[in-house]
Amino acid sequence: MSCLSRLTIAAVNRAANDTGNASEQVLDVSRELTAKAQNLKSVVEKFLTEVRAA
């Protein structure tokens, strides 16, 4: 295997690892956003219930 082939394989490997790390970060943030959206939904529903009762 040539030096260029080894460098190319190493670069592809690094890029794959970087992509994996980035996808994990996106998943973490999407989970956090989902939790915040669910909380906001609960707060809005409670508010609307109180407004309707007033």
C-alpha atoms as a PDB file:
ATOM      1  CA  MET A   1       0.000   0.000   0.000  1.00  0.00           C
ATOM      2  CA  SER A   2       1.370   3.382  -0.927  1.00  0.00           C
ATOM      3  CA  CYS A   3       1.870   6.266   1.447  1.00  0.00           C
ATOM      4  CA  LEU A   4      -0.872   8.200  -0.331  1.00  0.00           C
ATOM      5  CA  SER A   5      -3.316   5.314   0.140  1.00  0.00           C
ATOM      6  CA  ARG A   6      -2.549   5.148   3.852  1.00  0.00           C
ATOM      7  CA  LEU A   7      -3.046   8.906   4.198  1.00  0.00           C
ATOM      8  CA  THR A   8      -6.321   8.741   2.311  1.00  0.00           C
ATOM      9  CA  ILE A   9      -7.579   5.868   4.466  1.00  0.00           C
ATOM     10  CA  ALA A  10      -6.550   7.750   7.600  1.00  0.00           C
ATOM     11  CA  ALA A  11      -8.338  10.892   6.396  1.00  0.00           C
ATOM     12  CA  VAL A  12     -11.507   8.927   5.633  1.00  0.00           C
ATOM     13  CA  ASN A  13     -11.311   7.279   9.054  1.00  0.00           C
ATOM     14  CA  ARG A  14     -10.967  10.663  10.785  1.00  0.00           C
ATOM     15  CA  ALA A  15     -13.852  12.072   8.758  1.00  0.00           C
ATOM     16  CA  ALA A  16     -16.035   9.103   9.693  1.00  0.00           C
ATOM     17  CA  ASN A  17     -15.198   9.578  13.368  1.00  0.00           C
ATOM     18  CA  ASP A  18     -15.929  13.295  13.143  1.00  0.00           C
ATOM     19  CA  THR A  19     -19.260  12.551  11.479  1.00  0.00           C
ATOM     20  CA  GLY A  20     -20.135  10.079  14.221  1.00  0.00           C
ATOM     21  CA  ASN A  21     -19.289  12.612  16.911  1.00  0.00           C
ATOM     22  CA  ALA A  22     -21.334  15.303  15.204  1.00  0.00           C
ATOM     23  CA  SER A  23     -24.333  13.005  14.873  1.00  0.00           C
ATOM     24  CA  GLU A  24     -24.151  12.201  18.591  1.00  0.00           C
ATOM     25  CA  GLN A  25     -24.171  15.912  19.377  1.00  0.00           C
ATOM     26  CA  VAL A  26     -27.186  16.466  17.116  1.00  0.00           C
ATOM     27  CA  LEU A  27     -29.010  13.595  18.809  1.00  0.00           C
ATOM     28  CA  ASP A  28     -28.250  15.006  22.277  1.00  0.00           C
ATOM     29  CA  VAL A  29     -29.492  18.463  21.306  1.00  0.00           C
ATOM     30  CA  SER A  30     -32.622  17.056  19.677  1.00  0.00           C
ATOM     31  CA  ARG A  31     -33.416  15.115  22.851  1.00  0.00           C
ATOM     32  CA  GLU A  32     -32.959  18.269  24.903  1.00  0.00           C
ATOM     33  CA  LEU A  33     -35.171  20.229  22.526  1.00  0.00           C
ATOM     34  CA  THR A  34     -37.853  17.540  22.689  1.00  0.00           C
ATOM     35  CA  ALA A  35     -37.852  17.702  26.493  1.00  0.00           C
ATOM     36  CA  LYS A  36     -38.143  21.500  26.428  1.00  0.00           C
ATOM     37  CA  ALA A  37     -40.963  21.352  23.881  1.00  0.00           C
ATOM     38  CA  GLN A  38     -42.860  18.859  26.033  1.00  0.00           C
ATOM     39  CA  ASN A  39     -42.407  21.106  29.057  1.00  0.00           C
ATOM     40  CA  LEU A  40     -43.593  24.141  27.110  1.00  0.00           C
ATOM     41  CA  LYS A  41     -46.642  22.215  25.917  1.00  0.00           C
ATOM     42  CA  SER A  42     -47.535  21.364  29.518  1.00  0.00           C
ATOM     43  CA  VAL A  43     -47.144  24.967  30.635  1.00  0.00           C
ATOM     44  CA  VAL A  44     -49.284  26.264  27.753  1.00  0.00           C
ATOM     45  CA  GLU A  45     -51.981  23.654  28.396  1.00  0.00           C
ATOM     46  CA  LYS A  46     -52.089  24.600  32.076  1.00  0.00           C
ATOM     47  CA  PHE A  47     -52.287  28.290  31.181  1.00  0.00           C
ATOM     48  CA  LEU A  48     -55.120  27.713  28.712  1.00  0.00           C
ATOM     49  CA  THR A  49     -57.013  25.620  31.259  1.00  0.00           C
ATOM     50  CA  GLU A  50     -56.731  28.456  33.779  1.00  0.00           C
ATOM     51  CA  VAL A  51     -57.817  31.046  31.205  1.00  0.00           C
ATOM     52  CA  ARG A  52     -60.857  28.973  30.249  1.00  0.00           C
ATOM     53  CA  ALA A  53     -61.798  28.571  33.917  1.00  0.00           C
ATOM     54  CA  ALA A  54     -61.595  32.312  34.579  1.00  0.00           C
END
